Amino acid sequence: MTRVPPSATSWTGRVGAVSVHAVSHGGALPLVALHGAGVDHREIEAAVEAVVPDVALRRVYPDLPGMGRTTADGLTSNDDVVAVLAGFLEQLADGPVLLLGHSYGAYLARGLAARRPDLVLGLALVCPLGARTGQVPEHQVVRHDDDAHDELAPEQRAGFDEYLVVRTCATARRYRDSVVPGMALADEDALGRVFAGWSIDLGTGYDGPALVVAGRRDSTVGYADAIDLLVQCPNATLAVVDGAGHALVHERPEVFGALLREWIDRAAPDLGRRS
């Protein structure tokens, strides 16, 4: 069973045949954050909780279908996953939510905003994966501290090196504690079935308050495609962050946090800080 932090609330419900598991913190306006492929909610939860501004937000972290404790019964495409997420949001809140996605989660978030714009108050896309991957830079290490691998079991080091371009004790601990555990829970058969129907109807774009963030050293999805999203998101702030790769949320938390606050201020200006 997934460990739930003491401050978090665990939730399990059904959307059709799919059992959806999520963890939430706080109250008031929901901020729903979607993780990437092959992990579970703990990765994006760790990244957002480390930098979330002190405002009245209910931060909600669902496991995506076929990952963590969420099933993928009957799903055969990413469009099916988007439909499940729409049903999840309908159960979660009476009104629109702030929606954030990292990597594969950003692809799903774009599809959800296109299908159900009424459910999305603001859209944040971090290291966004798309229908296709264009030009990407070579995997180039920005920083590698000599003692970074000391935090990892030997079998974890290759995956860490493949994912991170900033390799410090801090990023190693984040990888060990928040990335690796979810990898063991992925239902590979279910993901193969869902990913076989990869293409999502992305509509013509999203015209609400948006944020697009890319890592300059991202060798997984690159940054050029993120820049092109400005055409589909006319009210977006764009940041291409040097010294960061596909794991930008772990490698440059101070930048990620500042951009997150800026986006929340635009999307929900009346939210206010906690006293």
C-alpha atoms as a PDB file:
ATOM      1  CA  MET A   1       0.000   0.000   0.000  1.00  0.00           C
ATOM      2  CA  THR A   2       1.188   3.536  -0.808  1.00  0.00           C
ATOM      3  CA  ARG A   3       2.423   5.459   2.213  1.00  0.00           C
ATOM      4  CA  VAL A   4       0.492   8.695   2.706  1.00  0.00           C
ATOM      5  CA  PRO A   5       2.335  11.607   4.354  1.00  0.00           C
ATOM      6  CA  PRO A   6       0.842  12.595   7.729  1.00  0.00           C
ATOM      7  CA  SER A   7      -0.450  15.885   6.335  1.00  0.00           C
ATOM      8  CA  ALA A   8      -2.149  14.267   3.335  1.00  0.00           C
ATOM      9  CA  THR A   9      -5.585  12.799   2.736  1.00  0.00           C
ATOM     10  CA  SER A  10      -5.915   9.664   0.616  1.00  0.00           C
ATOM     11  CA  TRP A  11      -8.922   9.280  -1.705  1.00  0.00           C
ATOM     12  CA  THR A  12     -10.121   6.387  -3.859  1.00  0.00           C
ATOM     13  CA  GLY A  13     -13.159   6.549  -6.114  1.00  0.00           C
ATOM     14  CA  ARG A  14     -14.493   5.182  -9.366  1.00  0.00           C
ATOM     15  CA  VAL A  15     -14.832   6.711 -12.816  1.00  0.00           C
ATOM     16  CA  GLY A  16     -16.636   4.090 -14.835  1.00  0.00           C
ATOM     17  CA  ALA A  17     -14.668   0.859 -14.564  1.00  0.00           C
ATOM     18  CA  VAL A  18     -11.517   2.640 -13.377  1.00  0.00           C
ATOM     19  CA  SER A  19     -10.578   2.874  -9.705  1.00  0.00           C
ATOM     20  CA  VAL A  20      -8.807   6.215  -9.212  1.00  0.00           C
ATOM     21  CA  HIS A  21      -6.470   6.862  -6.298  1.00  0.00           C
ATOM     22  CA  ALA A  22      -5.344  10.350  -5.298  1.00  0.00           C
ATOM     23  CA  VAL A  23      -3.687  12.169  -2.418  1.00  0.00           C
ATOM     24  CA  SER A  24      -4.518  15.747  -1.413  1.00  0.00           C
ATOM     25  CA  HIS A  25      -3.166  18.452   0.897  1.00  0.00           C
ATOM     26  CA  GLY A  26      -4.831  21.614   2.143  1.00  0.00           C
ATOM     27  CA  GLY A  27      -8.198  23.083   1.237  1.00  0.00           C
ATOM     28  CA  ALA A  28     -10.088  25.586  -0.923  1.00  0.00           C
ATOM     29  CA  LEU A  29      -9.352  25.921  -4.669  1.00  0.00           C
ATOM     30  CA  PRO A  30      -8.050  22.652  -6.187  1.00  0.00           C
ATOM     31  CA  LEU A  31      -4.690  22.527  -7.919  1.00  0.00           C
ATOM     32  CA  VAL A  32      -4.561  19.154  -9.683  1.00  0.00           C
ATOM     33  CA  ALA A  33      -1.073  17.994 -10.684  1.00  0.00           C
ATOM     34  CA  LEU A  34      -0.533  15.129 -13.135  1.00  0.00           C
ATOM     35  CA  HIS A  35       2.719  13.164 -13.016  1.00  0.00           C
ATOM     36  CA  GLY A  36       4.721  11.711 -15.905  1.00  0.00           C
ATOM     37  CA  ALA A  37       4.766   8.212 -17.369  1.00  0.00           C
ATOM     38  CA  GLY A  38       6.012   5.182 -15.473  1.00  0.00           C
ATOM     39  CA  VAL A  39       5.922   6.693 -11.962  1.00  0.00           C
ATOM     40  CA  ASP A  40       3.096   7.653  -9.594  1.00  0.00           C
ATOM     41  CA  HIS A  41       1.744  10.739  -7.829  1.00  0.00           C
ATOM     42  CA  ARG A  42       4.672  10.909  -5.412  1.00  0.00           C
ATOM     43  CA  GLU A  43       7.048  12.473  -7.923  1.00  0.00           C
ATOM     44  CA  ILE A  44       4.970  15.540  -8.754  1.00  0.00           C
ATOM     45  CA  GLU A  45       3.678  15.697  -5.172  1.00  0.00           C
ATOM     46  CA  ALA A  46       7.230  16.032  -3.822  1.00  0.00           C
ATOM     47  CA  ALA A  47       8.100  18.688  -6.393  1.00  0.00           C
ATOM     48  CA  VAL A  48       5.006  20.866  -5.873  1.00  0.00           C
ATOM     49  CA  GLU A  49       4.805  20.511  -2.088  1.00  0.00           C
ATOM     50  CA  ALA A  50       8.407  21.723  -1.799  1.00  0.00           C
ATOM     51  CA  VAL A  51       7.622  25.063  -3.491  1.00  0.00           C
ATOM     52  CA  VAL A  52       3.839  25.630  -3.353  1.00  0.00           C
ATOM     53  CA  PRO A  53       3.001  29.195  -2.336  1.00  0.00           C
ATOM     54  CA  ASP A  54       1.316  29.869   0.985  1.00  0.00           C
ATOM     55  CA  VAL A  55      -2.186  30.287  -0.435  1.00  0.00           C
ATOM     56  CA  ALA A  56      -5.487  28.532   0.128  1.00  0.00           C
ATOM     57  CA  LEU A  57      -5.009  25.695  -2.333  1.00  0.00           C
ATOM     58  CA  ARG A  58      -6.147  22.093  -2.186  1.00  0.00           C
ATOM     59  CA  ARG A  59      -3.270  20.320  -3.923  1.00  0.00           C
ATOM     60  CA  VAL A  60      -4.515  17.078  -5.474  1.00  0.00           C
ATOM     61  CA  TYR A  61      -2.209  14.393  -6.866  1.00  0.00           C
ATOM     62  CA  PRO A  62      -3.936  11.510  -8.672  1.00  0.00           C
ATOM     63  CA  ASP A  63      -2.196   8.358  -9.819  1.00  0.00           C
ATOM     64  CA  LEU A  64      -2.707   8.170 -13.570  1.00  0.00           C
ATOM     65  CA  PRO A  65      -4.359   5.032 -14.997  1.00  0.00           C
ATOM     66  CA  GLY A  66      -2.040   2.024 -15.014  1.00  0.00           C
ATOM     67  CA  MET A  67       0.270   3.673 -12.492  1.00  0.00           C
ATOM     68  CA  GLY A  68       0.370   3.763  -8.723  1.00  0.00           C
ATOM     69  CA  ARG A  69      -2.931   2.543  -7.300  1.00  0.00           C
ATOM     70  CA  THR A  70      -5.148   3.646 -10.214  1.00  0.00           C
ATOM     71  CA  THR A  71      -6.363   0.903 -12.540  1.00  0.00           C
ATOM     72  CA  ALA A  72      -6.768   1.076 -16.319  1.00  0.00           C
ATOM     73  CA  ASP A  73      -9.651  -1.370 -16.785  1.00  0.00           C
ATOM     74  CA  GLY A  74     -11.172  -1.050 -20.249  1.00  0.00           C
ATOM     75  CA  LEU A  75      -8.883   1.793 -21.387  1.00  0.00           C
ATOM     76  CA  THR A  76      -7.322   1.478 -24.846  1.00  0.00           C
ATOM     77  CA  SER A  77      -6.052   4.982 -25.627  1.00  0.00           C
ATOM     78  CA  ASN A  78      -4.870   8.251 -24.152  1.00  0.00           C
ATOM     79  CA  ASP A  79      -8.208   9.783 -25.140  1.00  0.00           C
ATOM     80  CA  ASP A  80      -9.788   7.230 -22.782  1.00  0.00           C
ATOM     81  CA  VAL A  81      -7.447   8.440 -20.031  1.00  0.00           C
ATOM     82  CA  VAL A  82      -8.501  12.046 -20.682  1.00  0.00           C
ATOM     83  CA  ALA A  83     -12.137  10.992 -20.305  1.00  0.00           C
ATOM     84  CA  VAL A  84     -11.343   9.370 -16.947  1.00  0.00           C
ATOM     85  CA  LEU A  85      -9.576  12.520 -15.770  1.00  0.00           C
ATOM     86  CA  ALA A  86     -12.562  14.640 -16.787  1.00  0.00           C
ATOM     87  CA  GLY A  87     -14.791  12.392 -14.695  1.00  0.00           C
ATOM     88  CA  PHE A  88     -12.364  12.651 -11.804  1.00  0.00           C
ATOM     89  CA  LEU A  89     -12.434  16.463 -11.920  1.00  0.00           C
ATOM     90  CA  GLU A  90     -16.216  16.463 -12.029  1.00  0.00           C
ATOM     91  CA  GLN A  91     -16.275  14.459  -8.793  1.00  0.00           C
ATOM     92  CA  LEU A  92     -13.528  16.533  -7.210  1.00  0.00           C
ATOM     93  CA  ALA A  93     -14.924  20.050  -7.417  1.00  0.00           C
ATOM     94  CA  ASP A  94     -18.040  22.094  -8.175  1.00  0.00           C
ATOM     95  CA  GLY A  95     -16.095  24.410 -10.469  1.00  0.00           C
ATOM     96  CA  PRO A  96     -12.920  24.666 -12.548  1.00  0.00           C
ATOM     97  CA  VAL A  97      -9.507  23.770 -11.149  1.00  0.00           C
ATOM     98  CA  LEU A  98      -5.918  24.808 -11.683  1.00  0.00           C
ATOM     99  CA  LEU A  99      -4.380  22.034 -13.790  1.00  0.00           C
ATOM    100  CA  LEU A 100      -0.664  21.249 -13.936  1.00  0.00           C
ATOM    101  CA  GLY A 101       1.056  18.465 -15.841  1.00  0.00           C
ATOM    102  CA  HIS A 102       4.655  17.271 -16.049  1.00  0.00           C
ATOM    103  CA  SER A 103       5.887  15.419 -19.152  1.00  0.00           C
ATOM    104  CA  TYR A 104       3.198  12.848 -20.110  1.00  0.00           C
ATOM    105  CA  GLY A 105       0.941  14.509 -17.560  1.00  0.00           C
ATOM    106  CA  ALA A 106       1.231  17.747 -19.534  1.00  0.00           C
ATOM    107  CA  TYR A 107       0.085  15.952 -22.695  1.00  0.00           C
ATOM    108  CA  LEU A 108      -2.984  14.668 -20.864  1.00  0.00           C
ATOM    109  CA  ALA A 109      -3.585  18.117 -19.356  1.00  0.00           C
ATOM    110  CA  ARG A 110      -3.655  19.667 -22.826  1.00  0.00           C
ATOM    111  CA  GLY A 111      -6.194  17.088 -23.952  1.00  0.00           C
ATOM    112  CA  LEU A 112      -8.333  17.700 -20.873  1.00  0.00           C
ATOM    113  CA  ALA A 113      -8.255  21.480 -21.395  1.00  0.00           C
ATOM    114  CA  ALA A 114      -9.293  20.972 -25.037  1.00  0.00           C
ATOM    115  CA  ARG A 115     -12.110  18.534 -24.227  1.00  0.00           C
ATOM    116  CA  ARG A 116     -13.425  20.268 -21.095  1.00  0.00           C
ATOM    117  CA  PRO A 117     -12.247  23.892 -20.912  1.00  0.00           C
ATOM    118  CA  ASP A 118     -15.045  24.514 -18.410  1.00  0.00           C
ATOM    119  CA  LEU A 119     -13.105  22.398 -15.892  1.00  0.00           C
ATOM    120  CA  VAL A 120      -9.785  24.268 -16.260  1.00  0.00           C
ATOM    121  CA  LEU A 121      -9.209  27.636 -14.606  1.00  0.00           C
ATOM    122  CA  GLY A 122      -5.530  27.722 -15.544  1.00  0.00           C
ATOM    123  CA  LEU A 123      -3.113  25.380 -17.329  1.00  0.00           C
ATOM    124  CA  ALA A 124       0.564  24.761 -16.461  1.00  0.00           C
ATOM    125  CA  LEU A 125       2.692  22.553 -18.723  1.00  0.00           C
ATOM    126  CA  VAL A 126       6.125  21.542 -17.420  1.00  0.00           C
ATOM    127  CA  CYS A 127       8.577  19.757 -19.750  1.00  0.00           C
ATOM    128  CA  PRO A 128       5.550  18.919 -21.912  1.00  0.00           C
ATOM    129  CA  LEU A 129       5.483  15.744 -23.961  1.00  0.00           C
ATOM    130  CA  GLY A 130       3.452  15.934 -27.147  1.00  0.00           C
ATOM    131  CA  ALA A 131       1.973  13.844 -29.909  1.00  0.00           C
ATOM    132  CA  ARG A 132       5.466  13.619 -31.389  1.00  0.00           C
ATOM    133  CA  THR A 133       8.905  14.531 -30.114  1.00  0.00           C
ATOM    134  CA  GLY A 134      10.898  16.913 -32.256  1.00  0.00           C
ATOM    135  CA  GLN A 135      14.523  17.942 -32.027  1.00  0.00           C
ATOM    136  CA  VAL A 136      16.152  17.305 -28.645  1.00  0.00           C
ATOM    137  CA  PRO A 137      19.638  18.149 -27.356  1.00  0.00           C
ATOM    138  CA  GLU A 138      22.148  15.511 -26.330  1.00  0.00           C
ATOM    139  CA  HIS A 139      22.088  14.327 -22.729  1.00  0.00           C
ATOM    140  CA  GLN A 140      24.607  16.674 -21.135  1.00  0.00           C
ATOM    141  CA  VAL A 141      25.400  16.689 -17.426  1.00  0.00           C
ATOM    142  CA  VAL A 142      25.228  20.141 -15.833  1.00  0.00           C
ATOM    143  CA  ARG A 143      26.518  19.113 -12.406  1.00  0.00           C
ATOM    144  CA  HIS A 144      27.642  15.830 -10.859  1.00  0.00           C
ATOM    145  CA  ASP A 145      28.753  15.907  -7.229  1.00  0.00           C
ATOM    146  CA  ASP A 146      31.146  13.142  -6.253  1.00  0.00           C
ATOM    147  CA  ASP A 147      28.943  11.966  -3.384  1.00  0.00           C
ATOM    148  CA  ALA A 148      25.582  12.007  -5.202  1.00  0.00           C
ATOM    149  CA  HIS A 149      25.572   8.256  -5.819  1.00  0.00           C
ATOM    150  CA  ASP A 150      26.113   7.617  -2.110  1.00  0.00           C
ATOM    151  CA  GLU A 151      22.377   8.288  -1.602  1.00  0.00           C
ATOM    152  CA  LEU A 152      21.372   5.528  -4.033  1.00  0.00           C
ATOM    153  CA  ALA A 153      21.387   1.765  -4.133  1.00  0.00           C
ATOM    154  CA  PRO A 154      23.685   0.466  -6.881  1.00  0.00           C
ATOM    155  CA  GLU A 155      20.752  -0.626  -9.048  1.00  0.00           C
ATOM    156  CA  GLN A 156      19.254   2.882  -8.913  1.00  0.00           C
ATOM    157  CA  ARG A 157      22.279   4.753 -10.224  1.00  0.00           C
ATOM    158  CA  ALA A 158      21.881   4.129 -13.956  1.00  0.00           C
ATOM    159  CA  GLY A 159      18.282   5.349 -13.949  1.00  0.00           C
ATOM    160  CA  PHE A 160      19.266   8.406 -11.927  1.00  0.00           C
ATOM    161  CA  ASP A 161      22.042   9.250 -14.381  1.00  0.00           C
ATOM    162  CA  GLU A 162      19.694   8.799 -17.328  1.00  0.00           C
ATOM    163  CA  TYR A 163      17.015  11.080 -15.862  1.00  0.00           C
ATOM    164  CA  LEU A 164      18.942  13.825 -14.062  1.00  0.00           C
ATOM    165  CA  VAL A 165      21.422  16.328 -15.490  1.00  0.00           C
ATOM    166  CA  VAL A 166      21.883  17.949 -12.064  1.00  0.00           C
ATOM    167  CA  ARG A 167      23.242  15.156  -9.867  1.00  0.00           C
ATOM    168  CA  THR A 168      23.539  16.202  -6.253  1.00  0.00           C
ATOM    169  CA  CYS A 169      22.709  14.565  -2.938  1.00  0.00           C
ATOM    170  CA  ALA A 170      19.426  16.482  -2.922  1.00  0.00           C
ATOM    171  CA  THR A 171      18.337  15.318  -6.383  1.00  0.00           C
ATOM    172  CA  ALA A 172      19.500  11.775  -5.597  1.00  0.00           C
ATOM    173  CA  ARG A 173      17.331  11.672  -2.475  1.00  0.00           C
ATOM    174  CA  ARG A 174      14.340  13.029  -4.410  1.00  0.00           C
ATOM    175  CA  TYR A 175      14.862  10.370  -7.101  1.00  0.00           C
ATOM    176  CA  ARG A 176      15.252   7.595  -4.507  1.00  0.00           C
ATOM    177  CA  ASP A 177      12.282   8.616  -2.364  1.00  0.00           C
ATOM    178  CA  SER A 178       9.751  10.007  -4.856  1.00  0.00           C
ATOM    179  CA  VAL A 179      10.537   8.580  -8.294  1.00  0.00           C
ATOM    180  CA  VAL A 180      11.789   5.024  -7.779  1.00  0.00           C
ATOM    181  CA  PRO A 181       8.894   3.758  -5.581  1.00  0.00           C
ATOM    182  CA  GLY A 182       6.288   4.506  -8.220  1.00  0.00           C
ATOM    183  CA  MET A 183       8.255   2.834 -10.986  1.00  0.00           C
ATOM    184  CA  ALA A 184       7.721  -0.553  -9.350  1.00  0.00           C
ATOM    185  CA  LEU A 185       3.916  -0.103  -9.434  1.00  0.00           C
ATOM    186  CA  ALA A 186       3.494   0.579 -13.159  1.00  0.00           C
ATOM    187  CA  ASP A 187       1.207  -1.884 -14.971  1.00  0.00           C
ATOM    188  CA  GLU A 188       3.269  -2.344 -18.127  1.00  0.00           C
ATOM    189  CA  ASP A 189       0.578  -4.325 -19.953  1.00  0.00           C
ATOM    190  CA  ALA A 190      -2.037  -1.648 -19.285  1.00  0.00           C
ATOM    191  CA  LEU A 191       0.325   1.149 -20.311  1.00  0.00           C
ATOM    192  CA  GLY A 192       1.209  -0.671 -23.516  1.00  0.00           C
ATOM    193  CA  ARG A 193      -2.492  -0.912 -24.344  1.00  0.00           C
ATOM    194  CA  VAL A 194      -3.153   2.766 -23.560  1.00  0.00           C
ATOM    195  CA  PHE A 195      -0.054   4.091 -25.307  1.00  0.00           C
ATOM    196  CA  ALA A 196      -0.951   2.134 -28.465  1.00  0.00           C
ATOM    197  CA  GLY A 197      -3.681   4.759 -28.884  1.00  0.00           C
ATOM    198  CA  TRP A 198      -1.285   7.628 -28.303  1.00  0.00           C
ATOM    199  CA  SER A 199      -2.822  10.585 -30.150  1.00  0.00           C
ATOM    200  CA  ILE A 200      -5.076  12.920 -28.169  1.00  0.00           C
ATOM    201  CA  ASP A 201      -7.510  15.460 -29.570  1.00  0.00           C
ATOM    202  CA  LEU A 202      -5.779  18.666 -28.489  1.00  0.00           C
ATOM    203  CA  GLY A 203      -8.292  21.005 -30.101  1.00  0.00           C
ATOM    204  CA  THR A 204      -7.117  24.430 -31.202  1.00  0.00           C
ATOM    205  CA  GLY A 205      -5.402  25.372 -27.952  1.00  0.00           C
ATOM    206  CA  TYR A 206      -6.136  26.946 -24.590  1.00  0.00           C
ATOM    207  CA  ASP A 207      -6.763  30.654 -24.165  1.00  0.00           C
ATOM    208  CA  GLY A 208      -6.877  30.841 -20.357  1.00  0.00           C
ATOM    209  CA  PRO A 209      -3.981  31.762 -18.041  1.00  0.00           C
ATOM    210  CA  ALA A 210      -1.178  29.337 -18.921  1.00  0.00           C
ATOM    211  CA  LEU A 211       2.407  28.526 -18.060  1.00  0.00           C
ATOM    212  CA  VAL A 212       4.843  26.628 -20.280  1.00  0.00           C
ATOM    213  CA  VAL A 213       8.185  25.595 -18.785  1.00  0.00           C
ATOM    214  CA  ALA A 214      10.964  23.666 -20.523  1.00  0.00           C
ATOM    215  CA  GLY A 215      14.463  22.569 -19.604  1.00  0.00           C
ATOM    216  CA  ARG A 216      17.195  23.858 -21.913  1.00  0.00           C
ATOM    217  CA  ARG A 217      19.051  20.539 -21.406  1.00  0.00           C
ATOM    218  CA  ASP A 218      15.996  18.282 -21.761  1.00  0.00           C
ATOM    219  CA  SER A 219      17.134  15.339 -23.885  1.00  0.00           C
ATOM    220  CA  THR A 220      13.740  13.606 -23.554  1.00  0.00           C
ATOM    221  CA  VAL A 221      11.363  16.145 -25.121  1.00  0.00           C
ATOM    222  CA  GLY A 222      13.618  19.132 -25.792  1.00  0.00           C
ATOM    223  CA  TYR A 223      12.424  22.721 -25.605  1.00  0.00           C
ATOM    224  CA  ALA A 224      11.593  23.705 -29.199  1.00  0.00           C
ATOM    225  CA  ASP A 225       8.136  22.123 -29.090  1.00  0.00           C
ATOM    226  CA  ALA A 226       7.382  23.966 -25.843  1.00  0.00           C
ATOM    227  CA  ILE A 227       8.155  27.277 -27.531  1.00  0.00           C
ATOM    228  CA  ASP A 228       5.726  26.399 -30.310  1.00  0.00           C
ATOM    229  CA  LEU A 229       2.951  26.042 -27.712  1.00  0.00           C
ATOM    230  CA  LEU A 230       2.786  29.830 -27.445  1.00  0.00           C
ATOM    231  CA  VAL A 231       0.699  29.763 -30.620  1.00  0.00           C
ATOM    232  CA  GLN A 232      -1.863  27.476 -28.950  1.00  0.00           C
ATOM    233  CA  CYS A 233      -1.676  29.297 -25.602  1.00  0.00           C
ATOM    234  CA  PRO A 234      -1.960  33.040 -26.317  1.00  0.00           C
ATOM    235  CA  ASN A 235      -2.032  33.923 -22.595  1.00  0.00           C
ATOM    236  CA  ALA A 236       0.970  31.877 -21.550  1.00  0.00           C
ATOM    237  CA  THR A 237       4.171  32.735 -19.747  1.00  0.00           C
ATOM    238  CA  LEU A 238       7.048  30.801 -21.334  1.00  0.00           C
ATOM    239  CA  ALA A 239      10.295  29.904 -19.574  1.00  0.00           C
ATOM    240  CA  VAL A 240      13.153  27.869 -21.038  1.00  0.00           C
ATOM    241  CA  VAL A 241      15.354  27.168 -18.045  1.00  0.00           C
ATOM    242  CA  ASP A 242      19.070  26.686 -18.490  1.00  0.00           C
ATOM    243  CA  GLY A 243      20.821  24.229 -16.204  1.00  0.00           C
ATOM    244  CA  ALA A 244      17.827  21.874 -16.173  1.00  0.00           C
ATOM    245  CA  GLY A 245      16.669  18.818 -18.066  1.00  0.00           C
ATOM    246  CA  HIS A 246      13.507  16.736 -18.091  1.00  0.00           C
ATOM    247  CA  ALA A 247      13.642  16.586 -14.278  1.00  0.00           C
ATOM    248  CA  LEU A 248      13.465  20.388 -14.051  1.00  0.00           C
ATOM    249  CA  VAL A 249      11.030  20.277 -11.132  1.00  0.00           C
ATOM    250  CA  HIS A 250      13.748  18.616  -9.037  1.00  0.00           C
ATOM    251  CA  GLU A 251      16.807  20.276 -10.529  1.00  0.00           C
ATOM    252  CA  ARG A 252      15.711  23.933 -10.386  1.00  0.00           C
ATOM    253  CA  PRO A 253      13.034  24.060  -7.648  1.00  0.00           C
ATOM    254  CA  GLU A 254      13.598  27.757  -6.962  1.00  0.00           C
ATOM    255  CA  VAL A 255      12.772  28.636 -10.578  1.00  0.00           C
ATOM    256  CA  PHE A 256       9.869  26.202 -10.737  1.00  0.00           C
ATOM    257  CA  GLY A 257       8.446  27.664  -7.530  1.00  0.00           C
ATOM    258  CA  ALA A 258       8.662  31.262  -8.752  1.00  0.00           C
ATOM    259  CA  LEU A 259       6.968  30.392 -12.028  1.00  0.00           C
ATOM    260  CA  LEU A 260       4.283  28.415 -10.212  1.00  0.00           C
ATOM    261  CA  ARG A 261       3.488  31.397  -7.977  1.00  0.00           C
ATOM    262  CA  GLU A 262       3.321  33.747 -10.963  1.00  0.00           C
ATOM    263  CA  TRP A 263       0.888  31.455 -12.769  1.00  0.00           C
ATOM    264  CA  ILE A 264      -1.342  30.980  -9.720  1.00  0.00           C
ATOM    265  CA  ASP A 265      -1.460  34.756  -9.197  1.00  0.00           C
ATOM    266  CA  ARG A 266      -2.672  35.226 -12.778  1.00  0.00           C
ATOM    267  CA  ALA A 267      -5.126  32.335 -12.812  1.00  0.00           C
ATOM    268  CA  ALA A 268      -6.606  32.975  -9.353  1.00  0.00           C
ATOM    269  CA  PRO A 269      -5.850  36.599  -8.419  1.00  0.00           C
ATOM    270  CA  ASP A 270      -8.382  36.637  -5.578  1.00  0.00           C
ATOM    271  CA  LEU A 271      -6.980  33.559  -3.856  1.00  0.00           C
ATOM    272  CA  GLY A 272      -4.853  35.539  -1.424  1.00  0.00           C
ATOM    273  CA  ARG A 273      -2.105  34.553   0.953  1.00  0.00           C
ATOM    274  CA  ARG A 274      -2.804  32.800   4.238  1.00  0.00           C
ATOM    275  CA  SER A 275      -2.515  35.019   7.278  1.00  0.00           C
END
